[in-house]
């Protein structure tokens, strides 16, 4: 079964054409925001180009998202053990300026890249493996291109492939900083589910209602449990898509319905709460699973590729649209990191590279 059929959305076949080459040039060095040591501010430095390996492309970066994992990396949380010094940033959008024996992408193409294996997006240019690069439609601008793939791709896999969400179900989504509103948008506006939105900031609740949430609230354990019981008449929610984990996930266990599905998104950077067997026996029967694009890249590469292609088609069909919270120039990268730390916006934070 194709992933498009699995997702249950009929999409027109929209040809994706590359923009014409426009005298793109690159020098032997470029500006980049470098993390020299954990806990220190990023520094804008001149970085020397590296030679491309077979199957790699060099991208002139127009925009790069600043994600929560980038902030954690600057604080010394480095589960992937990237060598330090390093240039953070993995959600990139720009133009290909060089390609080395690549089959599906070439010089001049407008592309987005999920550079989780290499990073390097906080810079004027970066190298990416062709496996992690998609050409983008002309309707997609660079800011939204850097905001789309990770959050919407993960949400598609979580809600549809794992959660098996259907129309008119009751779905709860918990939204982490810089993760975007993707699960809310997909559940409420594409699949017409009744969505209970949960965030850590009261200021985000009105935005969630505007984007289609049936109910929206900032996290408070007793309030969340009572709200779910009232809205579902004590049945619980059919699907929970959680990006917060920890105590929030523990509360989610009290909100799931019989034979419901809990999806923990981006679980590689999350802490799962300890649960006693006696607690599990008191809960309804349910399933819980983790989902991450990085895992699908390793174990189900075809699905990984097709998921982002579906997200791009959904954008071109005007079914989805990323929410951008703030845009910063590269020189203000530390202000962007600080925003994620202090205000924890749900919408995407973008570096615009000039």
Protein backbone atom coordinates (compact mmCIF):
# COMPACT_ATOMS: atom_id res chain seq x y z
CA UNK A 1 0.00 0.00 0.00
CA UNK A 2 1.38 3.41 -0.92
CA UNK A 3 1.95 5.97 1.80
CA UNK A 4 -0.45 8.38 0.09
CA UNK A 5 -3.22 5.79 0.31
CA UNK A 6 -2.25 5.07 3.91
CA UNK A 7 -2.56 8.78 4.76
CA UNK A 8 -6.02 8.79 3.20
CA UNK A 9 -5.67 12.08 1.33
CA UNK A 10 -6.15 12.26 -2.43
CA UNK A 11 -3.58 14.64 -3.85
CA UNK A 12 -3.23 15.87 -7.39
CA UNK A 13 0.05 15.10 -9.08
CA UNK A 14 1.80 18.46 -9.03
CA UNK A 15 4.97 18.63 -11.12
CA UNK A 16 7.88 20.04 -9.15
CA UNK A 17 10.20 22.00 -11.41
CA UNK A 18 13.59 23.40 -10.56
CA UNK A 19 14.20 27.12 -10.75
CA UNK A 20 16.61 28.14 -13.51
CA UNK A 21 20.26 28.56 -12.56
CA UNK A 22 20.98 32.20 -11.74
CA UNK A 23 24.75 32.74 -11.75
CA UNK A 24 25.25 31.13 -8.38
CA UNK A 25 28.78 31.59 -7.02
CA UNK A 26 30.58 30.36 -3.96
CA UNK A 27 33.90 31.20 -2.33
CA UNK A 28 36.44 29.02 -0.55
CA UNK A 29 35.18 30.24 2.83
CA UNK A 30 31.76 31.19 4.16
CA UNK A 31 30.21 32.60 7.33
CA UNK A 32 28.82 30.18 9.89
CA UNK A 33 27.59 30.21 13.50
CA UNK A 34 30.03 27.87 15.26
CA UNK A 35 29.55 26.16 18.61
CA UNK A 36 33.06 26.00 20.08
CA UNK A 37 32.09 24.49 23.45
CA UNK A 38 28.94 23.42 25.26
CA UNK A 39 27.26 26.29 27.09
CA UNK A 40 29.05 29.02 25.17
CA UNK A 41 27.38 31.42 22.70
CA UNK A 42 27.64 30.65 19.01
CA UNK A 43 30.28 32.70 17.18
CA UNK A 44 30.08 33.89 13.58
CA UNK A 45 33.30 32.70 11.94
CA UNK A 46 34.81 32.12 8.52
CA UNK A 47 34.67 28.41 7.75
CA UNK A 48 36.58 26.66 4.97
CA UNK A 49 34.67 24.69 2.37
CA UNK A 50 34.99 20.92 2.38
CA UNK A 51 35.14 18.83 -0.75
CA UNK A 52 31.89 17.06 -1.67
CA UNK A 53 31.70 13.30 -1.47
CA UNK A 54 29.80 11.28 -4.05
CA UNK A 55 26.05 11.78 -3.65
CA UNK A 56 26.40 15.06 -1.75
CA UNK A 57 25.23 18.56 -2.62
CA UNK A 58 26.37 22.00 -1.51
CA UNK A 59 23.45 24.28 -0.65
CA UNK A 60 23.47 28.06 -0.57
CA UNK A 61 21.36 28.44 2.57
CA UNK A 62 18.54 30.96 2.41
CA UNK A 63 16.81 29.98 5.66
CA UNK A 64 17.31 27.47 8.46
CA UNK A 65 14.95 26.62 11.31
CA UNK A 66 16.17 26.86 14.89
CA UNK A 67 14.82 23.80 16.68
CA UNK A 68 14.71 22.76 20.32
CA UNK A 69 17.43 20.17 19.65
CA UNK A 70 19.71 22.99 18.43
CA UNK A 71 19.22 24.77 21.75
CA UNK A 72 19.90 21.53 23.64
CA UNK A 73 23.08 20.99 21.62
CA UNK A 74 24.37 24.42 22.67
CA UNK A 75 23.71 23.39 26.29
CA UNK A 76 25.75 20.21 26.02
CA UNK A 77 22.90 17.76 25.38
CA UNK A 78 24.41 15.85 22.46
CA UNK A 79 22.88 12.33 22.16
CA UNK A 80 24.08 12.00 18.56
CA UNK A 81 27.64 12.84 19.70
CA UNK A 82 28.36 15.47 17.08
CA UNK A 83 32.02 16.52 17.22
CA UNK A 84 32.59 19.92 18.83
CA UNK A 85 33.24 22.49 17.42
CA UNK A 86 30.24 22.19 15.13
CA UNK A 87 27.71 24.29 13.25
CA UNK A 88 24.14 23.49 14.44
CA UNK A 89 21.02 23.58 12.26
CA UNK A 90 19.46 20.75 10.29
CA UNK A 91 16.24 22.08 8.71
CA UNK A 92 17.56 23.96 5.68
CA UNK A 93 16.08 25.60 2.60
CA UNK A 94 18.03 27.17 -0.27
CA UNK A 95 19.61 26.59 -3.69
CA UNK A 96 22.00 23.88 -4.83
CA UNK A 97 25.29 25.42 -5.93
CA UNK A 98 27.20 22.17 -6.48
CA UNK A 99 26.30 18.49 -6.79
CA UNK A 100 28.61 15.48 -6.98
CA UNK A 101 27.16 12.57 -8.96
CA UNK A 102 23.59 13.06 -7.74
CA UNK A 103 20.66 11.46 -9.59
CA UNK A 104 17.65 13.58 -8.62
CA UNK A 105 19.00 17.02 -7.74
CA UNK A 106 21.36 19.40 -9.51
CA UNK A 107 22.87 22.86 -9.57
CA UNK A 108 20.28 25.64 -9.37
CA UNK A 109 17.52 23.51 -7.84
CA UNK A 110 15.44 25.06 -5.06
CA UNK A 111 15.55 22.52 -2.24
CA UNK A 112 14.92 21.76 1.39
CA UNK A 113 17.14 19.43 3.38
CA UNK A 114 16.76 17.53 6.65
CA UNK A 115 20.41 17.52 7.65
CA UNK A 116 20.14 15.58 10.91
CA UNK A 117 23.16 13.42 10.12
CA UNK A 118 25.53 16.31 9.33
CA UNK A 119 23.99 19.57 10.67
CA UNK A 120 25.64 22.77 9.41
CA UNK A 121 22.52 24.82 8.60
CA UNK A 122 23.42 27.93 10.63
CA UNK A 123 25.65 29.12 7.81
CA UNK A 124 25.76 30.72 4.38
CA UNK A 125 26.16 27.27 2.87
CA UNK A 126 26.10 23.66 3.97
CA UNK A 127 26.68 20.15 2.64
CA UNK A 128 23.89 17.59 2.59
CA UNK A 129 23.46 14.02 1.42
CA UNK A 130 21.18 13.73 -1.61
CA UNK A 131 19.13 11.23 0.41
CA UNK A 132 18.04 14.09 2.69
CA UNK A 133 17.27 16.67 -0.02
CA UNK A 134 13.95 17.35 -1.77
CA UNK A 135 13.26 19.79 -4.60
CA UNK A 136 10.48 22.19 -3.65
CA UNK A 137 7.56 23.68 -5.62
CA UNK A 138 7.69 27.31 -6.72
CA UNK A 139 4.78 28.07 -4.35
CA UNK A 140 6.96 27.34 -1.31
CA UNK A 141 9.08 30.24 -0.05
CA UNK A 142 12.37 29.69 1.77
CA UNK A 143 11.12 30.55 5.27
CA UNK A 144 8.25 28.09 5.09
CA UNK A 145 10.48 25.57 3.32
CA UNK A 146 12.73 25.55 6.38
CA UNK A 147 9.68 25.08 8.63
CA UNK A 148 7.83 22.28 6.88
CA UNK A 149 9.57 18.93 6.62
CA UNK A 150 10.44 17.90 10.17
CA UNK A 151 7.23 18.82 11.98
CA UNK A 152 4.73 17.88 9.26
CA UNK A 153 6.64 14.76 8.23
CA UNK A 154 6.77 13.49 11.81
CA UNK A 155 3.11 14.37 12.38
CA UNK A 156 2.03 12.49 9.24
CA UNK A 157 3.86 9.36 10.35
CA UNK A 158 2.66 9.64 13.93
CA UNK A 159 -1.01 10.45 13.42
CA UNK A 160 -1.73 8.34 10.34
CA UNK A 161 0.72 5.46 10.26
CA UNK A 162 0.91 4.88 14.02
CA UNK A 163 -2.21 6.55 15.38
CA UNK A 164 -4.45 5.38 12.51
CA UNK A 165 -6.44 8.57 12.93
CA UNK A 166 -9.79 8.87 11.16
CA UNK A 167 -12.29 11.69 10.67
CA UNK A 168 -14.29 12.94 13.65
CA UNK A 169 -12.17 11.14 16.24
CA UNK A 170 -11.11 13.04 19.36
CA UNK A 171 -7.40 13.75 19.18
CA UNK A 172 -5.14 15.43 21.74
CA UNK A 173 -1.88 17.09 20.70
CA UNK A 174 0.72 18.48 23.08
CA UNK A 175 2.97 21.06 21.46
CA UNK A 176 6.62 21.58 22.40
CA UNK A 177 8.65 24.76 21.77
CA UNK A 178 9.72 25.32 18.16
CA UNK A 179 7.94 22.12 17.11
CA UNK A 180 5.25 23.89 15.11
CA UNK A 181 1.49 23.40 14.92
CA UNK A 182 1.75 20.56 12.39
CA UNK A 183 -0.16 17.84 14.32
CA UNK A 184 -2.94 20.29 15.16
CA UNK A 185 -3.21 21.48 11.55
CA UNK A 186 -3.26 17.95 10.12
CA UNK A 187 -5.73 16.55 12.64
CA UNK A 188 -8.16 19.49 12.68
CA UNK A 189 -8.03 20.88 9.15
CA UNK A 190 -6.99 17.99 6.90
CA UNK A 191 -8.58 15.02 8.68
CA UNK A 192 -11.43 16.93 10.42
CA UNK A 193 -10.81 15.47 13.88
CA UNK A 194 -11.88 17.14 17.11
CA UNK A 195 -8.60 18.36 18.58
CA UNK A 196 -7.71 19.18 22.17
CA UNK A 197 -4.55 21.29 22.04
CA UNK A 198 -2.15 21.48 24.98
CA UNK A 199 0.83 23.80 25.31
CA UNK A 200 3.07 25.03 28.11
CA UNK A 201 2.22 28.70 27.49
CA UNK A 202 -1.18 30.31 27.97
CA UNK A 203 -0.34 32.79 25.20
CA UNK A 204 -0.45 29.97 22.62
CA UNK A 205 -3.99 28.81 23.38
CA UNK A 206 -5.77 31.47 21.33
CA UNK A 207 -3.58 30.65 18.30
CA UNK A 208 -4.51 26.98 18.66
CA UNK A 209 -8.21 27.87 18.62
CA UNK A 210 -7.70 30.03 15.54
CA UNK A 211 -5.99 27.10 13.82
CA UNK A 212 -8.96 24.82 14.47
CA UNK A 213 -8.60 23.36 17.98
CA UNK A 214 -11.87 22.20 19.49
CA UNK A 215 -10.43 23.04 22.92
CA UNK A 216 -7.09 24.61 23.89
CA UNK A 217 -5.40 24.96 27.27
CA UNK A 218 -2.01 25.46 28.89
CA UNK A 219 -0.79 22.39 30.75
CA UNK A 220 -2.19 21.79 34.20
CA UNK A 221 -2.63 18.16 35.22
CA UNK A 222 -6.00 18.34 37.04
CA UNK A 223 -7.44 20.76 34.46
CA UNK A 224 -6.35 18.60 31.54
CA UNK A 225 -7.79 15.41 33.00
CA UNK A 226 -11.11 17.07 33.89
CA UNK A 227 -11.34 18.77 30.47
CA UNK A 228 -10.84 15.47 28.64
CA UNK A 229 -13.41 13.73 30.82
CA UNK A 230 -15.97 16.47 30.25
CA UNK A 231 -15.46 16.74 26.49
CA UNK A 232 -15.41 12.98 25.86
CA UNK A 233 -18.06 12.04 28.44
CA UNK A 234 -15.48 9.96 30.32
CA UNK A 235 -14.51 7.91 27.24
CA UNK A 236 -11.07 9.46 26.78
CA UNK A 237 -9.39 10.56 23.55
CA UNK A 238 -8.81 8.24 20.59
CA UNK A 239 -5.32 9.44 19.64
CA UNK A 240 -2.72 11.39 21.63
CA UNK A 241 0.24 12.96 19.82
CA UNK A 242 2.74 14.04 22.46
CA UNK A 243 5.85 16.14 21.91
CA UNK A 244 6.43 17.12 25.55
CA UNK A 245 6.94 13.74 27.31
CA UNK A 246 7.90 13.74 30.99
CA UNK A 247 5.08 14.63 33.38
CA UNK A 248 2.82 15.65 30.48
CA UNK A 249 3.03 12.18 28.96
CA UNK A 250 2.28 10.67 32.35
CA UNK A 251 -0.87 12.77 32.47
CA UNK A 252 -1.74 11.65 28.94
CA UNK A 253 -1.99 8.09 30.23
CA UNK A 254 -4.99 9.25 32.27
CA UNK A 255 -6.67 10.66 29.15
CA UNK A 256 -6.50 7.82 26.61
CA UNK A 257 -9.54 5.82 25.57
CA UNK A 258 -9.91 2.04 25.41
CA UNK A 259 -7.84 0.80 22.44
CA UNK A 260 -6.57 4.32 21.86
CA UNK A 261 -3.13 5.19 20.51
CA UNK A 262 -0.42 7.33 22.14
CA UNK A 263 2.39 8.55 19.89
CA UNK A 264 5.54 10.06 21.39
CA UNK A 265 7.09 12.24 18.69
CA UNK A 266 10.82 12.87 18.43
CA UNK A 267 11.33 10.48 21.30
CA UNK A 268 15.13 10.33 21.04
CA UNK A 269 15.40 13.58 23.04
CA UNK A 270 12.60 12.83 25.50
CA UNK A 271 12.38 11.31 28.94
CA UNK A 272 9.66 8.71 29.33
CA UNK A 273 8.00 8.76 32.77
CA UNK A 274 8.33 5.75 35.09
CA UNK A 275 5.03 3.88 35.37
CA UNK A 276 4.29 1.18 37.94
CA UNK A 277 2.64 -2.04 36.77
CA UNK A 278 -0.22 -1.38 39.19
CA UNK A 279 -0.87 1.90 37.39
CA UNK A 280 -0.97 0.20 34.00
CA UNK A 281 -3.48 -2.36 35.24
CA UNK A 282 -5.82 0.45 36.24
CA UNK A 283 -5.72 2.01 32.75
CA UNK A 284 -7.70 1.02 29.67
CA UNK A 285 -6.01 -1.13 27.03
CA UNK A 286 -4.03 1.14 24.71
CA UNK A 287 -0.94 1.21 22.50
CA UNK A 288 2.04 3.55 22.78
CA UNK A 289 4.78 4.04 20.19
CA UNK A 290 7.59 6.42 19.37
CA UNK A 291 8.09 8.01 15.96
CA UNK A 292 10.97 9.98 14.48
CA UNK A 293 12.02 10.75 10.94
CA UNK A 294 15.60 9.85 11.80
CA UNK A 295 14.48 6.34 12.72
CA UNK A 296 12.52 5.98 9.48
CA UNK A 297 15.54 7.15 7.51
CA UNK A 298 17.49 4.25 8.98
CA UNK A 299 14.85 1.51 8.99
CA UNK A 300 12.30 2.46 6.29
CA UNK A 301 14.04 4.81 3.88
CA UNK A 302 11.36 4.71 1.16
CA UNK A 303 8.70 5.76 3.67
CA UNK A 304 10.98 8.54 4.95
CA UNK A 305 11.36 9.95 1.45
CA UNK A 306 7.72 9.62 0.49
CA UNK A 307 6.47 11.19 3.73
CA UNK A 308 8.21 14.51 3.03
CA UNK A 309 7.05 14.37 -0.60
CA UNK A 310 3.46 14.04 0.64
CA UNK A 311 3.95 17.02 2.98
CA UNK A 312 5.24 19.09 0.04
CA UNK A 313 2.25 18.12 -2.07
CA UNK A 314 -0.10 19.00 0.79
CA UNK A 315 1.49 22.44 0.96
CA UNK A 316 1.17 22.94 -2.78
CA UNK A 317 -2.50 21.91 -2.53
CA UNK A 318 -2.88 24.59 0.20
CA UNK A 319 -3.89 21.99 2.78
CA UNK A 320 -1.13 22.90 5.25
CA UNK A 321 0.94 25.97 6.09
CA UNK A 322 3.71 26.27 8.71
CA UNK A 323 3.41 28.88 11.46
CA UNK A 324 6.52 31.06 11.81
CA UNK A 325 6.97 32.70 15.21
CA UNK A 326 10.07 34.84 14.55
CA UNK A 327 12.76 35.49 11.95
CA UNK A 328 16.35 36.49 12.79
CA UNK A 329 19.40 37.28 10.66
CA UNK A 330 22.39 34.94 11.05
CA UNK A 331 24.27 37.52 13.15
CA UNK A 332 21.49 37.32 15.77
CA UNK A 333 21.57 33.54 16.06
CA UNK A 334 22.09 33.70 19.83
CA UNK A 335 18.97 35.83 20.18
CA UNK A 336 17.05 33.12 18.32
CA UNK A 337 18.40 30.47 20.69
CA UNK A 338 17.50 32.64 23.68
CA UNK A 339 13.94 33.08 22.38
CA UNK A 340 13.43 29.32 22.37
CA UNK A 341 14.83 29.10 25.89
CA UNK A 342 12.86 32.00 27.40
CA UNK A 343 9.54 32.24 25.54
CA UNK A 344 9.24 28.69 24.20
CA UNK A 345 7.21 29.59 21.11
CA UNK A 346 5.36 26.75 19.42
CA UNK A 347 5.72 28.34 15.98
CA UNK A 348 8.99 27.90 14.09
CA UNK A 349 11.96 30.21 14.69
CA UNK A 350 13.87 30.94 11.48
CA UNK A 351 17.37 32.17 10.66
CA UNK A 352 17.37 34.14 7.40
CA UNK A 353 20.80 33.98 5.80
CA UNK A 354 21.91 36.92 3.66
